[in-house]
PDB file of N, CA and C in Angstrom:
ATOM      1  N   UNK A   1      16.860   7.211  39.853  1.00  0.00           N
ATOM      2  CA  UNK A   1      17.779   7.558  38.787  1.00  0.00           C
ATOM      3  C   UNK A   1      18.383   6.538  38.198  1.00  0.00           C
ATOM      4  N   UNK A   2      18.246   6.464  37.083  1.00  0.00           N
ATOM      5  CA  UNK A   2      18.852   5.510  36.011  1.00  0.00           C
ATOM      6  C   UNK A   2      20.366   5.973  35.516  1.00  0.00           C
ATOM      7  N   UNK A   3      21.273   5.133  35.711  1.00  0.00           N
ATOM      8  CA  UNK A   3      22.674   5.491  35.439  1.00  0.00           C
ATOM      9  C   UNK A   3      23.356   4.529  34.534  1.00  0.00           C
ATOM     10  N   UNK A   4      23.720   4.736  33.395  1.00  0.00           N
ATOM     11  CA  UNK A   4      24.247   3.850  32.450  1.00  0.00           C
ATOM     12  C   UNK A   4      25.736   4.025  32.362  1.00  0.00           C
ATOM     13  N   UNK A   5      26.321   2.830  32.413  1.00  0.00           N
ATOM     14  CA  UNK A   5      27.719   2.657  32.350  1.00  0.00           C
ATOM     15  C   UNK A   5      28.176   2.555  30.826  1.00  0.00           C
ATOM     16  N   UNK A   6      29.354   3.366  30.414  1.00  0.00           N
ATOM     17  CA  UNK A   6      29.837   3.395  29.265  1.00  0.00           C
ATOM     18  C   UNK A   6      31.020   2.755  29.126  1.00  0.00           C
ATOM     19  N   UNK A   7      31.652   2.656  27.899  1.00  0.00           N
ATOM     20  CA  UNK A   7      33.035   2.003  27.829  1.00  0.00           C
ATOM     21  C   UNK A   7      34.185   2.807  28.489  1.00  0.00           C
ATOM     22  N   UNK A   8      33.957   3.886  28.793  1.00  0.00           N
ATOM     23  CA  UNK A   8      34.992   4.797  29.231  1.00  0.00           C
ATOM     24  C   UNK A   8      35.104   4.706  30.655  1.00  0.00           C
ATOM     25  N   UNK A   9      34.341   3.880  31.449  1.00  0.00           N
ATOM     26  CA  UNK A   9      34.180   3.600  32.844  1.00  0.00           C
ATOM     27  C   UNK A   9      33.756   4.985  33.480  1.00  0.00           C
ATOM     28  N   UNK A  10      32.682   5.626  32.750  1.00  0.00           N
ATOM     29  CA  UNK A  10      32.035   6.755  33.422  1.00  0.00           C
ATOM     30  C   UNK A  10      30.535   6.523  33.097  1.00  0.00           C
ATOM     31  N   UNK A  11      29.816   7.317  33.921  1.00  0.00           N
ATOM     32  CA  UNK A  11      28.369   7.293  33.512  1.00  0.00           C
ATOM     33  C   UNK A  11      27.811   8.513  33.284  1.00  0.00           C
ATOM     34  N   UNK A  12      26.578   8.562  32.951  1.00  0.00           N
ATOM     35  CA  UNK A  12      25.998   9.851  32.518  1.00  0.00           C
ATOM     36  C   UNK A  12      25.064  10.369  33.501  1.00  0.00           C
ATOM     37  N   UNK A  13      25.102  11.395  34.087  1.00  0.00           N
ATOM     38  CA  UNK A  13      24.098  12.119  35.030  1.00  0.00           C
ATOM     39  C   UNK A  13      22.994  12.532  34.226  1.00  0.00           C
ATOM     40  N   UNK A  14      21.742  11.761  34.283  1.00  0.00           N
ATOM     41  CA  UNK A  14      20.539  12.054  33.446  1.00  0.00           C
ATOM     42  C   UNK A  14      19.963  13.519  33.479  1.00  0.00           C
ATOM     43  N   UNK A  15      20.367  14.026  34.656  1.00  0.00           N
ATOM     44  CA  UNK A  15      19.775  15.529  34.860  1.00  0.00           C
ATOM     45  C   UNK A  15      20.798  16.589  34.248  1.00  0.00           C
ATOM     46  N   UNK A  16      22.007  16.232  34.081  1.00  0.00           N
ATOM     47  CA  UNK A  16      22.943  17.198  33.529  1.00  0.00           C
ATOM     48  C   UNK A  16      23.507  16.804  32.178  1.00  0.00           C
ATOM     49  N   UNK A  17      23.454  15.577  31.874  1.00  0.00           N
ATOM     50  CA  UNK A  17      23.863  15.118  30.662  1.00  0.00           C
ATOM     51  C   UNK A  17      25.622  15.092  30.581  1.00  0.00           C
ATOM     52  N   UNK A  18      26.212  15.303  31.843  1.00  0.00           N
ATOM     53  CA  UNK A  18      27.574  15.247  31.842  1.00  0.00           C
ATOM     54  C   UNK A  18      28.044  13.868  32.306  1.00  0.00           C
ATOM     55  N   UNK A  19      29.201  13.379  31.928  1.00  0.00           N
ATOM     56  CA  UNK A  19      29.878  12.013  32.282  1.00  0.00           C
ATOM     57  C   UNK A  19      30.221  12.179  33.856  1.00  0.00           C
ATOM     58  N   UNK A  20      29.948  11.111  34.741  1.00  0.00           N
ATOM     59  CA  UNK A  20      30.426  11.334  36.146  1.00  0.00           C
ATOM     60  C   UNK A  20      31.193   9.834  36.486  1.00  0.00           C
ATOM     61  N   UNK A  21      32.048   9.839  37.094  1.00  0.00           N
ATOM     62  CA  UNK A  21      33.031   8.577  37.327  1.00  0.00           C
ATOM     63  C   UNK A  21      32.374   7.646  38.050  1.00  0.00           C
ATOM     64  N   UNK A  22      32.539   6.290  37.849  1.00  0.00           N
ATOM     65  CA  UNK A  22      32.149   5.255  38.629  1.00  0.00           C
ATOM     66  C   UNK A  22      32.319   5.448  40.220  1.00  0.00           C
ATOM     67  N   UNK A  23      33.517   5.923  40.455  1.00  0.00           N
ATOM     68  CA  UNK A  23      33.963   6.172  41.917  1.00  0.00           C
ATOM     69  C   UNK A  23      32.756   7.191  42.574  1.00  0.00           C
ATOM     70  N   UNK A  24      32.261   8.240  41.770  1.00  0.00           N
ATOM     71  CA  UNK A  24      31.267   8.925  42.249  1.00  0.00           C
ATOM     72  C   UNK A  24      30.007   8.344  42.530  1.00  0.00           C
ATOM     73  N   UNK A  25      29.593   7.501  41.605  1.00  0.00           N
ATOM     74  CA  UNK A  25      28.274   6.700  41.637  1.00  0.00           C
ATOM     75  C   UNK A  25      28.439   5.797  42.761  1.00  0.00           C
ATOM     76  N   UNK A  26      29.599   5.151  43.052  1.00  0.00           N
ATOM     77  CA  UNK A  26      29.744   4.265  44.199  1.00  0.00           C
ATOM     78  C   UNK A  26      29.733   5.020  45.364  1.00  0.00           C
ATOM     79  N   UNK A  27      30.025   6.277  45.429  1.00  0.00           N
ATOM     80  CA  UNK A  27      30.197   7.147  46.589  1.00  0.00           C
ATOM     81  C   UNK A  27      28.714   7.577  47.147  1.00  0.00           C
ATOM     82  N   UNK A  28      27.946   7.820  45.952  1.00  0.00           N
ATOM     83  CA  UNK A  28      26.424   8.141  46.158  1.00  0.00           C
ATOM     84  C   UNK A  28      25.735   6.983  46.825  1.00  0.00           C
ATOM     85  N   UNK A  29      26.066   5.701  46.466  1.00  0.00           N
ATOM     86  CA  UNK A  29      25.453   4.521  47.151  1.00  0.00           C
ATOM     87  C   UNK A  29      26.028   4.211  48.458  1.00  0.00           C
ATOM     88  N   UNK A  30      26.968   4.891  48.825  1.00  0.00           N
ATOM     89  CA  UNK A  30      27.713   4.830  50.122  1.00  0.00           C
ATOM     90  C   UNK A  30      26.997   5.607  51.097  1.00  0.00           C
ATOM     91  N   UNK A  31      26.159   6.577  50.654  1.00  0.00           N
ATOM     92  CA  UNK A  31      25.682   7.527  51.681  1.00  0.00           C
ATOM     93  C   UNK A  31      24.294   6.670  52.296  1.00  0.00           C
ATOM     94  N   UNK A  32      23.987   7.138  53.527  1.00  0.00           N
ATOM     95  CA  UNK A  32      22.876   6.683  54.291  1.00  0.00           C
ATOM     96  C   UNK A  32      21.878   7.837  54.811  1.00  0.00           C
ATOM     97  N   UNK A  33      20.638   7.794  54.391  1.00  0.00           N
ATOM     98  CA  UNK A  33      19.801   8.875  55.045  1.00  0.00           C
ATOM     99  C   UNK A  33      19.733   8.597  56.537  1.00  0.00           C
ATOM    100  N   UNK A  34      19.057   9.627  56.997  1.00  0.00           N
ATOM    101  CA  UNK A  34      18.838   9.590  58.516  1.00  0.00           C
ATOM    102  C   UNK A  34      18.288   8.385  59.020  1.00  0.00           C
ATOM    103  N   UNK A  35      17.212   7.938  58.254  1.00  0.00           N
ATOM    104  CA  UNK A  35      16.353   6.643  58.625  1.00  0.00           C
ATOM    105  C   UNK A  35      17.255   5.434  58.542  1.00  0.00           C
ATOM    106  N   UNK A  36      18.106   5.471  57.443  1.00  0.00           N
ATOM    107  CA  UNK A  36      19.027   4.280  57.262  1.00  0.00           C
ATOM    108  C   UNK A  36      19.921   4.194  58.411  1.00  0.00           C
ATOM    109  N   UNK A  37      20.691   5.295  58.651  1.00  0.00           N
ATOM    110  CA  UNK A  37      21.541   5.262  59.801  1.00  0.00           C
ATOM    111  C   UNK A  37      21.008   4.919  61.267  1.00  0.00           C
ATOM    112  N   UNK A  38      19.538   5.451  61.375  1.00  0.00           N
ATOM    113  CA  UNK A  38      18.954   5.089  62.592  1.00  0.00           C
ATOM    114  C   UNK A  38      18.776   3.602  62.619  1.00  0.00           C
ATOM    115  N   UNK A  39      18.331   2.963  61.556  1.00  0.00           N
ATOM    116  CA  UNK A  39      18.082   1.576  61.519  1.00  0.00           C
ATOM    117  C   UNK A  39      19.445   0.696  61.704  1.00  0.00           C
ATOM    118  N   UNK A  40      20.656   1.272  61.092  1.00  0.00           N
ATOM    119  CA  UNK A  40      21.805   0.610  61.445  1.00  0.00           C
ATOM    120  C   UNK A  40      22.116   0.648  62.767  1.00  0.00           C
ATOM    121  N   UNK A  41      22.277   1.761  63.378  1.00  0.00           N
ATOM    122  CA  UNK A  41      22.472   1.987  64.821  1.00  0.00           C
ATOM    123  C   UNK A  41      21.528   1.427  65.826  1.00  0.00           C
ATOM    124  N   UNK A  42      20.487   1.091  65.328  1.00  0.00           N
ATOM    125  CA  UNK A  42      19.193   0.639  66.046  1.00  0.00           C
ATOM    126  C   UNK A  42      18.930   1.600  67.137  1.00  0.00           C
ATOM    127  N   UNK A  43      18.874   2.913  66.627  1.00  0.00           N
ATOM    128  CA  UNK A  43      18.606   4.182  67.689  1.00  0.00           C
ATOM    129  C   UNK A  43      17.440   4.861  66.901  1.00  0.00           C
ATOM    130  N   UNK A  44      16.638   5.582  67.763  1.00  0.00           N
ATOM    131  CA  UNK A  44      15.617   6.342  67.164  1.00  0.00           C
ATOM    132  C   UNK A  44      16.213   7.563  66.427  1.00  0.00           C
ATOM    133  N   UNK A  45      15.409   7.989  65.253  1.00  0.00           N
ATOM    134  CA  UNK A  45      16.029   9.089  64.495  1.00  0.00           C
ATOM    135  C   UNK A  45      16.084  10.528  65.379  1.00  0.00           C
ATOM    136  N   UNK A  46      15.216  10.474  66.276  1.00  0.00           N
ATOM    137  CA  UNK A  46      15.303  11.745  67.147  1.00  0.00           C
ATOM    138  C   UNK A  46      16.612  11.797  67.978  1.00  0.00           C
ATOM    139  N   UNK A  47      17.048  10.619  68.415  1.00  0.00           N
ATOM    140  CA  UNK A  47      18.328  10.509  69.107  1.00  0.00           C
ATOM    141  C   UNK A  47      19.681  10.961  68.039  1.00  0.00           C
ATOM    142  N   UNK A  48      19.225  10.487  66.870  1.00  0.00           N
ATOM    143  CA  UNK A  48      20.361  10.703  66.094  1.00  0.00           C
ATOM    144  C   UNK A  48      20.304  12.358  65.678  1.00  0.00           C
ATOM    145  N   UNK A  49      19.248  12.982  65.586  1.00  0.00           N
ATOM    146  CA  UNK A  49      19.131  14.361  65.403  1.00  0.00           C
ATOM    147  C   UNK A  49      19.797  15.146  66.640  1.00  0.00           C
ATOM    148  N   UNK A  50      19.461  14.617  67.935  1.00  0.00           N
ATOM    149  CA  UNK A  50      20.108  15.185  69.136  1.00  0.00           C
ATOM    150  C   UNK A  50      21.497  14.944  69.189  1.00  0.00           C
ATOM    151  N   UNK A  51      22.090  13.887  68.612  1.00  0.00           N
ATOM    152  CA  UNK A  51      23.329  13.708  68.795  1.00  0.00           C
ATOM    153  C   UNK A  51      24.056  14.540  67.775  1.00  0.00           C
ATOM    154  N   UNK A  52      23.490  14.743  66.530  1.00  0.00           N
ATOM    155  CA  UNK A  52      23.976  15.776  65.506  1.00  0.00           C
ATOM    156  C   UNK A  52      24.073  17.228  66.154  1.00  0.00           C
ATOM    157  N   UNK A  53      22.921  17.466  66.780  1.00  0.00           N
ATOM    158  CA  UNK A  53      22.950  18.805  67.337  1.00  0.00           C
ATOM    159  C   UNK A  53      24.077  19.098  68.488  1.00  0.00           C
ATOM    160  N   UNK A  54      24.173  18.170  69.259  1.00  0.00           N
ATOM    161  CA  UNK A  54      25.262  18.300  70.393  1.00  0.00           C
ATOM    162  C   UNK A  54      26.813  17.765  69.965  1.00  0.00           C
ATOM    163  N   UNK A  55      26.920  17.327  68.616  1.00  0.00           N
ATOM    164  CA  UNK A  55      28.152  17.030  68.051  1.00  0.00           C
ATOM    165  C   UNK A  55      28.794  15.723  68.798  1.00  0.00           C
ATOM    166  N   UNK A  56      27.847  14.685  69.079  1.00  0.00           N
ATOM    167  CA  UNK A  56      28.529  13.475  69.601  1.00  0.00           C
ATOM    168  C   UNK A  56      28.212  12.274  68.858  1.00  0.00           C
ATOM    169  N   UNK A  57      27.296  12.395  67.758  1.00  0.00           N
ATOM    170  CA  UNK A  57      27.011  11.132  66.905  1.00  0.00           C
ATOM    171  C   UNK A  57      28.045  10.864  65.759  1.00  0.00           C
ATOM    172  N   UNK A  58      27.768  10.144  64.957  1.00  0.00           N
ATOM    173  CA  UNK A  58      28.605   9.993  63.620  1.00  0.00           C
ATOM    174  C   UNK A  58      28.553  11.189  62.924  1.00  0.00           C
ATOM    175  N   UNK A  59      29.479  11.345  62.176  1.00  0.00           N
ATOM    176  CA  UNK A  59      29.848  12.578  61.323  1.00  0.00           C
ATOM    177  C   UNK A  59      28.613  12.504  60.124  1.00  0.00           C
ATOM    178  N   UNK A  60      28.099  13.681  59.966  1.00  0.00           N
ATOM    179  CA  UNK A  60      27.083  13.746  59.049  1.00  0.00           C
ATOM    180  C   UNK A  60      27.250  15.052  58.295  1.00  0.00           C
ATOM    181  N   UNK A  61      26.413  15.251  57.164  1.00  0.00           N
ATOM    182  CA  UNK A  61      26.292  16.483  56.400  1.00  0.00           C
ATOM    183  C   UNK A  61      25.097  16.501  55.596  1.00  0.00           C
ATOM    184  N   UNK A  62      24.960  17.867  55.042  1.00  0.00           N
ATOM    185  CA  UNK A  62      23.664  17.955  54.258  1.00  0.00           C
ATOM    186  C   UNK A  62      23.890  17.993  52.692  1.00  0.00           C
ATOM    187  N   UNK A  63      23.197  17.249  52.218  1.00  0.00           N
ATOM    188  CA  UNK A  63      23.027  17.430  50.586  1.00  0.00           C
ATOM    189  C   UNK A  63      21.689  17.778  50.177  1.00  0.00           C
ATOM    190  N   UNK A  64      21.401  19.133  49.529  1.00  0.00           N
ATOM    191  CA  UNK A  64      20.164  19.555  49.178  1.00  0.00           C
ATOM    192  C   UNK A  64      19.371  19.550  50.327  1.00  0.00           C
ATOM    193  N   UNK A  65      19.750  19.908  51.609  1.00  0.00           N
ATOM    194  CA  UNK A  65      18.785  20.111  52.743  1.00  0.00           C
ATOM    195  C   UNK A  65      18.677  18.866  53.445  1.00  0.00           C
ATOM    196  N   UNK A  66      19.106  17.585  53.015  1.00  0.00           N
ATOM    197  CA  UNK A  66      18.885  16.462  53.614  1.00  0.00           C
ATOM    198  C   UNK A  66      20.207  16.014  54.336  1.00  0.00           C
ATOM    199  N   UNK A  67      19.972  15.608  55.701  1.00  0.00           N
ATOM    200  CA  UNK A  67      21.171  15.065  56.556  1.00  0.00           C
ATOM    201  C   UNK A  67      21.460  13.545  55.943  1.00  0.00           C
ATOM    202  N   UNK A  68      22.786  13.412  55.730  1.00  0.00           N
ATOM    203  CA  UNK A  68      23.235  12.024  55.073  1.00  0.00           C
ATOM    204  C   UNK A  68      24.566  11.884  55.942  1.00  0.00           C
ATOM    205  N   UNK A  69      24.696  10.393  55.931  1.00  0.00           N
ATOM    206  CA  UNK A  69      25.906   9.792  56.760  1.00  0.00           C
ATOM    207  C   UNK A  69      26.707   8.830  55.835  1.00  0.00           C
ATOM    208  N   UNK A  70      27.966   8.985  55.668  1.00  0.00           N
ATOM    209  CA  UNK A  70      28.708   8.093  54.905  1.00  0.00           C
ATOM    210  C   UNK A  70      28.725   6.820  55.682  1.00  0.00           C
ATOM    211  N   UNK A  71      28.619   5.761  54.947  1.00  0.00           N
ATOM    212  CA  UNK A  71      28.585   4.290  55.776  1.00  0.00           C
ATOM    213  C   UNK A  71      29.887   4.099  56.499  1.00  0.00           C
ATOM    214  N   UNK A  72      31.048   4.466  55.902  1.00  0.00           N
ATOM    215  CA  UNK A  72      32.193   4.238  56.734  1.00  0.00           C
ATOM    216  C   UNK A  72      32.254   5.249  57.881  1.00  0.00           C
ATOM    217  N   UNK A  73      31.839   6.358  57.700  1.00  0.00           N
ATOM    218  CA  UNK A  73      31.699   7.212  59.172  1.00  0.00           C
ATOM    219  C   UNK A  73      30.896   6.619  60.107  1.00  0.00           C
ATOM    220  N   UNK A  74      29.834   6.140  59.690  1.00  0.00           N
ATOM    221  CA  UNK A  74      28.957   5.197  60.751  1.00  0.00           C
ATOM    222  C   UNK A  74      29.718   4.083  61.438  1.00  0.00           C
ATOM    223  N   UNK A  75      30.436   3.426  60.607  1.00  0.00           N
ATOM    224  CA  UNK A  75      31.049   2.338  60.960  1.00  0.00           C
ATOM    225  C   UNK A  75      32.150   2.648  62.060  1.00  0.00           C
ATOM    226  N   UNK A  76      32.920   3.513  61.492  1.00  0.00           N
ATOM    227  CA  UNK A  76      34.183   4.028  62.338  1.00  0.00           C
ATOM    228  C   UNK A  76      33.616   4.692  63.641  1.00  0.00           C
ATOM    229  N   UNK A  77      32.485   5.474  63.782  1.00  0.00           N
ATOM    230  CA  UNK A  77      31.987   5.734  65.061  1.00  0.00           C
ATOM    231  C   UNK A  77      31.555   4.473  65.946  1.00  0.00           C
ATOM    232  N   UNK A  78      30.942   3.668  65.281  1.00  0.00           N
ATOM    233  CA  UNK A  78      30.543   2.417  66.138  1.00  0.00           C
ATOM    234  C   UNK A  78      31.922   1.764  66.745  1.00  0.00           C
ATOM    235  N   UNK A  79      33.008   1.610  65.886  1.00  0.00           N
ATOM    236  CA  UNK A  79      34.101   1.181  66.268  1.00  0.00           C
ATOM    237  C   UNK A  79      34.635   1.928  67.519  1.00  0.00           C
ATOM    238  N   UNK A  80      34.551   3.247  67.452  1.00  0.00           N
ATOM    239  CA  UNK A  80      35.113   4.205  68.418  1.00  0.00           C
ATOM    240  C   UNK A  80      34.375   4.065  69.754  1.00  0.00           C
ATOM    241  N   UNK A  81      33.003   3.932  69.767  1.00  0.00           N
ATOM    242  CA  UNK A  81      32.220   3.629  70.989  1.00  0.00           C
ATOM    243  C   UNK A  81      32.548   2.286  71.560  1.00  0.00           C
ATOM    244  N   UNK A  82      32.963   1.351  70.747  1.00  0.00           N
ATOM    245  CA  UNK A  82      33.167   0.020  71.284  1.00  0.00           C
ATOM    246  C   UNK A  82      34.630   0.202  72.029  1.00  0.00           C
ATOM    247  N   UNK A  83      35.683   0.889  71.261  1.00  0.00           N
ATOM    248  CA  UNK A  83      37.108   1.060  71.925  1.00  0.00           C
ATOM    249  C   UNK A  83      36.941   1.905  73.009  1.00  0.00           C
ATOM    250  N   UNK A  84      36.184   2.745  73.387  1.00  0.00           N
ATOM    251  CA  UNK A  84      36.048   3.790  74.532  1.00  0.00           C
ATOM    252  C   UNK A  84      35.178   3.042  75.570  1.00  0.00           C
ATOM    253  N   UNK A  85      34.450   1.952  75.280  1.00  0.00           N
ATOM    254  CA  UNK A  85      33.753   1.354  76.449  1.00  0.00           C
ATOM    255  C   UNK A  85      34.439   0.864  77.535  1.00  0.00           C
ATOM    256  N   UNK A  86      34.382   1.386  78.636  1.00  0.00           N
ATOM    257  CA  UNK A  86      35.222   0.859  79.766  1.00  0.00           C
ATOM    258  C   UNK A  86      34.994  -0.315  80.391  1.00  0.00           C
ATOM    259  N   UNK A  87      33.765  -0.779  80.048  1.00  0.00           N
ATOM    260  CA  UNK A  87      33.389  -2.227  80.673  1.00  0.00           C
ATOM    261  C   UNK A  87      34.049  -3.281  80.060  1.00  0.00           C
ATOM    262  N   UNK A  88      34.452  -4.387  80.732  1.00  0.00           N
ATOM    263  CA  UNK A  88      35.010  -5.389  80.396  1.00  0.00           C
ATOM    264  C   UNK A  88      34.268  -6.244  79.383  1.00  0.00           C
ATOM    265  N   UNK A  89      35.025  -6.830  78.594  1.00  0.00           N
ATOM    266  CA  UNK A  89      34.366  -7.883  77.421  1.00  0.00           C
ATOM    267  C   UNK A  89      33.843  -8.985  78.129  1.00  0.00           C
ATOM    268  N   UNK A  90      32.744  -9.565  77.482  1.00  0.00           N
ATOM    269  CA  UNK A  90      32.059 -10.772  78.282  1.00  0.00           C
ATOM    270  C   UNK A  90      32.844 -11.962  77.831  1.00  0.00           C
TER     271      UNK A  90
END
């Protein structure tokens, strides 16, 4: 998808021809696919699917039938796992 920045700090959605904000463009780039989240967490995609099924993994949602994760939600989940770990720090 090609997005052009115009002087009014908005971009044009090529499929709809309507301006969209730079914040929305940045938010779209903040999304991770299942494969990207799997790579970031160094966990098999099947494990992420299972965690989604049982509700224990990072927050996720669907866009157009595809499961996506916000980068901030993945990082927050990692920090929570670290904070909840009862083992002493090395």
